[in-house]
Amino acid sequence: MAVNKELLDILACPNCKGDVHLDEAGSGLVCDHCKLLYEVRDGIPIMLVEEAKRLE
């Protein structure tokens, strides 16, 4: 499920407050600065640092 463009424009990484963008698969939001992936579940981004996945 895609994230609404308007919502994506206002979301920020809760860790560094930087920009996030949708990953290629559309399954999560990526913060390039922190190297974290915030999953999107049922169209809702889970913006919790504790639940984010670390990217390599």
PDB file of N, CA and C in Angstrom:
ATOM      1  N   MET A   1       0.829  -1.185   0.000  1.00  0.00           N
ATOM      2  CA  MET A   1       0.000   0.000   0.000  1.00  0.00           C
ATOM      3  C   MET A   1       0.869   1.242   0.000  1.00  0.00           C
ATOM      4  N   ALA A   2       0.533   2.170  -0.826  1.00  0.00           N
ATOM      5  CA  ALA A   2       1.324   3.394  -0.943  1.00  0.00           C
ATOM      6  C   ALA A   2       0.946   4.383   0.155  1.00  0.00           C
ATOM      7  N   VAL A   3       1.912   5.202   0.504  1.00  0.00           N
ATOM      8  CA  VAL A   3       1.692   6.257   1.477  1.00  0.00           C
ATOM      9  C   VAL A   3       1.244   7.503   0.713  1.00  0.00           C
ATOM     10  N   ASN A   4       0.254   8.182   1.239  1.00  0.00           N
ATOM     11  CA  ASN A   4      -0.259   9.406   0.652  1.00  0.00           C
ATOM     12  C   ASN A   4       0.874  10.421   0.481  1.00  0.00           C
ATOM     13  N   LYS A   5       0.962  11.050  -0.691  1.00  0.00           N
ATOM     14  CA  LYS A   5       2.027  12.020  -1.002  1.00  0.00           C
ATOM     15  C   LYS A   5       2.039  13.176  -0.007  1.00  0.00           C
ATOM     16  N   GLU A   6       0.874  13.663   0.373  1.00  0.00           N
ATOM     17  CA  GLU A   6       0.799  14.776   1.332  1.00  0.00           C
ATOM     18  C   GLU A   6       1.354  14.371   2.693  1.00  0.00           C
ATOM     19  N   LEU A   7       1.064  13.138   3.103  1.00  0.00           N
ATOM     20  CA  LEU A   7       1.598  12.640   4.371  1.00  0.00           C
ATOM     21  C   LEU A   7       3.110  12.482   4.277  1.00  0.00           C
ATOM     22  N   LEU A   8       3.578  11.954   3.183  1.00  0.00           N
ATOM     23  CA  LEU A   8       5.012  11.760   2.980  1.00  0.00           C
ATOM     24  C   LEU A   8       5.765  13.094   3.036  1.00  0.00           C
ATOM     25  N   ASP A   9       5.145  14.150   2.536  1.00  0.00           N
ATOM     26  CA  ASP A   9       5.779  15.472   2.539  1.00  0.00           C
ATOM     27  C   ASP A   9       5.987  16.032   3.943  1.00  0.00           C
ATOM     28  N   ILE A  10       5.143  15.643   4.894  1.00  0.00           N
ATOM     29  CA  ILE A  10       5.270  16.214   6.241  1.00  0.00           C
ATOM     30  C   ILE A  10       5.983  15.296   7.236  1.00  0.00           C
ATOM     31  N   LEU A  11       6.153  14.020   6.876  1.00  0.00           N
ATOM     32  CA  LEU A  11       6.823  13.090   7.789  1.00  0.00           C
ATOM     33  C   LEU A  11       8.325  13.355   7.838  1.00  0.00           C
ATOM     34  N   ALA A  12       8.894  13.131   9.022  1.00  0.00           N
ATOM     35  CA  ALA A  12      10.341  13.267   9.214  1.00  0.00           C
ATOM     36  C   ALA A  12      10.806  12.101  10.079  1.00  0.00           C
ATOM     37  N   CYS A  13      12.058  11.789   9.973  1.00  0.00           N
ATOM     38  CA  CYS A  13      12.646  10.742  10.798  1.00  0.00           C
ATOM     39  C   CYS A  13      12.541  11.160  12.271  1.00  0.00           C
ATOM     40  N   PRO A  14      11.967  10.311  13.119  1.00  0.00           N
ATOM     41  CA  PRO A  14      11.861  10.668  14.536  1.00  0.00           C
ATOM     42  C   PRO A  14      13.203  10.669  15.259  1.00  0.00           C
ATOM     43  N   ASN A  15      14.208  10.072  14.666  1.00  0.00           N
ATOM     44  CA  ASN A  15      15.528  10.010  15.288  1.00  0.00           C
ATOM     45  C   ASN A  15      16.330  11.282  15.043  1.00  0.00           C
ATOM     46  N   CYS A  16      16.412  11.713  13.775  1.00  0.00           N
ATOM     47  CA  CYS A  16      17.250  12.872  13.440  1.00  0.00           C
ATOM     48  C   CYS A  16      16.459  14.062  12.907  1.00  0.00           C
ATOM     49  N   LYS A  17      15.154  13.872  12.713  1.00  0.00           N
ATOM     50  CA  LYS A  17      14.261  14.908  12.166  1.00  0.00           C
ATOM     51  C   LYS A  17      14.540  15.212  10.699  1.00  0.00           C
ATOM     52  N   GLY A  18      15.279  14.328  10.030  1.00  0.00           N
ATOM     53  CA  GLY A  18      15.601  14.495   8.614  1.00  0.00           C
ATOM     54  C   GLY A  18      14.491  13.962   7.714  1.00  0.00           C
ATOM     55  N   ASP A  19      14.674  14.155   6.429  1.00  0.00           N
ATOM     56  CA  ASP A  19      13.707  13.707   5.429  1.00  0.00           C
ATOM     57  C   ASP A  19      13.697  12.189   5.314  1.00  0.00           C
ATOM     58  N   VAL A  20      12.528  11.655   4.990  1.00  0.00           N
ATOM     59  CA  VAL A  20      12.378  10.236   4.699  1.00  0.00           C
ATOM     60  C   VAL A  20      11.765  10.109   3.310  1.00  0.00           C
ATOM     61  N   HIS A  21      12.025   8.972   2.669  1.00  0.00           N
ATOM     62  CA  HIS A  21      11.440   8.714   1.358  1.00  0.00           C
ATOM     63  C   HIS A  21      11.013   7.264   1.290  1.00  0.00           C
ATOM     64  N   LEU A  22      10.062   6.990   0.409  1.00  0.00           N
ATOM     65  CA  LEU A  22       9.545   5.643   0.231  1.00  0.00           C
ATOM     66  C   LEU A  22      10.615   4.773  -0.418  1.00  0.00           C
ATOM     67  N   ASP A  23      10.800   3.566   0.094  1.00  0.00           N
ATOM     68  CA  ASP A  23      11.791   2.661  -0.509  1.00  0.00           C
ATOM     69  C   ASP A  23      11.272   2.145  -1.851  1.00  0.00           C
ATOM     70  N   GLU A  24      12.139   1.496  -2.595  1.00  0.00           N
ATOM     71  CA  GLU A  24      11.806   1.032  -3.951  1.00  0.00           C
ATOM     72  C   GLU A  24      10.621   0.074  -3.968  1.00  0.00           C
ATOM     73  N   ALA A  25      10.517  -0.777  -2.959  1.00  0.00           N
ATOM     74  CA  ALA A  25       9.428  -1.753  -2.905  1.00  0.00           C
ATOM     75  C   ALA A  25       8.120  -1.141  -2.410  1.00  0.00           C
ATOM     76  N   GLY A  26       8.203   0.075  -1.849  1.00  0.00           N
ATOM     77  CA  GLY A  26       7.014   0.718  -1.307  1.00  0.00           C
ATOM     78  C   GLY A  26       6.575   0.146   0.026  1.00  0.00           C
ATOM     79  N   SER A  27       7.472  -0.576   0.688  1.00  0.00           N
ATOM     80  CA  SER A  27       7.107  -1.236   1.942  1.00  0.00           C
ATOM     81  C   SER A  27       7.538  -0.465   3.180  1.00  0.00           C
ATOM     82  N   GLY A  28       8.248   0.641   2.994  1.00  0.00           N
ATOM     83  CA  GLY A  28       8.700   1.392   4.152  1.00  0.00           C
ATOM     84  C   GLY A  28       9.290   2.732   3.773  1.00  0.00           C
ATOM     85  N   LEU A  29       9.529   3.531   4.798  1.00  0.00           N
ATOM     86  CA  LEU A  29      10.140   4.840   4.634  1.00  0.00           C
ATOM     87  C   LEU A  29      11.585   4.763   5.095  1.00  0.00           C
ATOM     88  N   VAL A  30      12.465   5.342   4.315  1.00  0.00           N
ATOM     89  CA  VAL A  30      13.899   5.260   4.574  1.00  0.00           C
ATOM     90  C   VAL A  30      14.445   6.620   4.978  1.00  0.00           C
ATOM     91  N   CYS A  31      15.259   6.623   6.038  1.00  0.00           N
ATOM     92  CA  CYS A  31      16.047   7.796   6.401  1.00  0.00           C
ATOM     93  C   CYS A  31      17.489   7.475   5.998  1.00  0.00           C
ATOM     94  N   ASP A  32      17.979   8.187   4.985  1.00  0.00           N
ATOM     95  CA  ASP A  32      19.338   7.929   4.499  1.00  0.00           C
ATOM     96  C   ASP A  32      20.393   8.335   5.526  1.00  0.00           C
ATOM     97  N   HIS A  33      20.111   9.344   6.315  1.00  0.00           N
ATOM     98  CA  HIS A  33      21.079   9.821   7.301  1.00  0.00           C
ATOM     99  C   HIS A  33      21.294   8.798   8.417  1.00  0.00           C
ATOM    100  N   CYS A  34      20.196   8.278   8.964  1.00  0.00           N
ATOM    101  CA  CYS A  34      20.278   7.311  10.063  1.00  0.00           C
ATOM    102  C   CYS A  34      20.406   5.869   9.587  1.00  0.00           C
ATOM    103  N   LYS A  35      20.163   5.645   8.293  1.00  0.00           N
ATOM    104  CA  LYS A  35      20.176   4.291   7.729  1.00  0.00           C
ATOM    105  C   LYS A  35      19.130   3.404   8.410  1.00  0.00           C
ATOM    106  N   LEU A  36      17.908   3.964   8.554  1.00  0.00           N
ATOM    107  CA  LEU A  36      16.808   3.245   9.164  1.00  0.00           C
ATOM    108  C   LEU A  36      15.655   3.110   8.182  1.00  0.00           C
ATOM    109  N   LEU A  37      14.938   1.988   8.288  1.00  0.00           N
ATOM    110  CA  LEU A  37      13.738   1.742   7.498  1.00  0.00           C
ATOM    111  C   LEU A  37      12.561   1.648   8.456  1.00  0.00           C
ATOM    112  N   TYR A  38      11.578   2.510   8.246  1.00  0.00           N
ATOM    113  CA  TYR A  38      10.347   2.492   9.033  1.00  0.00           C
ATOM    114  C   TYR A  38       9.292   1.794   8.193  1.00  0.00           C
ATOM    115  N   GLU A  39       8.815   0.646   8.658  1.00  0.00           N
ATOM    116  CA  GLU A  39       7.857  -0.150   7.890  1.00  0.00           C
ATOM    117  C   GLU A  39       6.518   0.579   7.743  1.00  0.00           C
ATOM    118  N   VAL A  40       5.828   0.261   6.638  1.00  0.00           N
ATOM    119  CA  VAL A  40       4.459   0.720   6.430  1.00  0.00           C
ATOM    120  C   VAL A  40       3.576  -0.512   6.549  1.00  0.00           C
ATOM    121  N   ARG A  41       2.661  -0.481   7.516  1.00  0.00           N
ATOM    122  CA  ARG A  41       1.752  -1.611   7.748  1.00  0.00           C
ATOM    123  C   ARG A  41       0.312  -1.149   7.522  1.00  0.00           C
ATOM    124  N   ASP A  42      -0.369  -1.810   6.627  1.00  0.00           N
ATOM    125  CA  ASP A  42      -1.756  -1.467   6.292  1.00  0.00           C
ATOM    126  C   ASP A  42      -1.896   0.009   5.933  1.00  0.00           C
ATOM    127  N   GLY A  43      -0.881   0.542   5.238  1.00  0.00           N
ATOM    128  CA  GLY A  43      -0.914   1.929   4.787  1.00  0.00           C
ATOM    129  C   GLY A  43      -0.516   2.943   5.843  1.00  0.00           C
ATOM    130  N   ILE A  44      -0.095   2.469   7.020  1.00  0.00           N
ATOM    131  CA  ILE A  44       0.276   3.369   8.118  1.00  0.00           C
ATOM    132  C   ILE A  44       1.764   3.233   8.399  1.00  0.00           C
ATOM    133  N   PRO A  45       2.519   4.337   8.276  1.00  0.00           N
ATOM    134  CA  PRO A  45       3.954   4.279   8.596  1.00  0.00           C
ATOM    135  C   PRO A  45       4.157   4.126  10.108  1.00  0.00           C
ATOM    136  N   ILE A  46       4.986   3.182  10.482  1.00  0.00           N
ATOM    137  CA  ILE A  46       5.306   2.950  11.896  1.00  0.00           C
ATOM    138  C   ILE A  46       6.583   3.736  12.198  1.00  0.00           C
ATOM    139  N   MET A  47       6.409   4.946  12.692  1.00  0.00           N
ATOM    140  CA  MET A  47       7.522   5.879  12.881  1.00  0.00           C
ATOM    141  C   MET A  47       8.071   5.805  14.307  1.00  0.00           C
ATOM    142  N   LEU A  48       8.423   4.604  14.735  1.00  0.00           N
ATOM    143  CA  LEU A  48       9.011   4.381  16.044  1.00  0.00           C
ATOM    144  C   LEU A  48      10.448   3.902  15.855  1.00  0.00           C
ATOM    145  N   VAL A  49      11.388   4.602  16.463  1.00  0.00           N
ATOM    146  CA  VAL A  49      12.799   4.253  16.325  1.00  0.00           C
ATOM    147  C   VAL A  49      13.041   2.828  16.805  1.00  0.00           C
ATOM    148  N   GLU A  50      12.353   2.419  17.870  1.00  0.00           N
ATOM    149  CA  GLU A  50      12.535   1.081  18.435  1.00  0.00           C
ATOM    150  C   GLU A  50      12.117  -0.012  17.456  1.00  0.00           C
ATOM    151  N   GLU A  51      11.213   0.285  16.548  1.00  0.00           N
ATOM    152  CA  GLU A  51      10.732  -0.720  15.595  1.00  0.00           C
ATOM    153  C   GLU A  51      11.359  -0.595  14.219  1.00  0.00           C
ATOM    154  N   ALA A  52      12.182   0.409  14.013  1.00  0.00           N
ATOM    155  CA  ALA A  52      12.821   0.608  12.717  1.00  0.00           C
ATOM    156  C   ALA A  52      13.876  -0.476  12.468  1.00  0.00           C
ATOM    157  N   LYS A  53      14.087  -0.778  11.210  1.00  0.00           N
ATOM    158  CA  LYS A  53      15.096  -1.756  10.836  1.00  0.00           C
ATOM    159  C   LYS A  53      16.340  -1.036  10.345  1.00  0.00           C
ATOM    160  N   ARG A  54      17.481  -1.482  10.820  1.00  0.00           N
ATOM    161  CA  ARG A  54      18.761  -0.886  10.421  1.00  0.00           C
ATOM    162  C   ARG A  54      19.107  -1.349   9.012  1.00  0.00           C
ATOM    163  N   LEU A  55      19.488  -0.405   8.153  1.00  0.00           N
ATOM    164  CA  LEU A  55      19.928  -0.717   6.790  1.00  0.00           C
ATOM    165  C   LEU A  55      21.440  -0.789   6.764  1.00  0.00           C
ATOM    166  N   GLU A  56      21.964  -1.617   5.891  1.00  0.00           N
ATOM    167  CA  GLU A  56      23.420  -1.752   5.753  1.00  0.00           C
ATOM    168  C   GLU A  56      23.966  -0.705   4.828  1.00  0.00           C
TER     169      GLU A  56
END
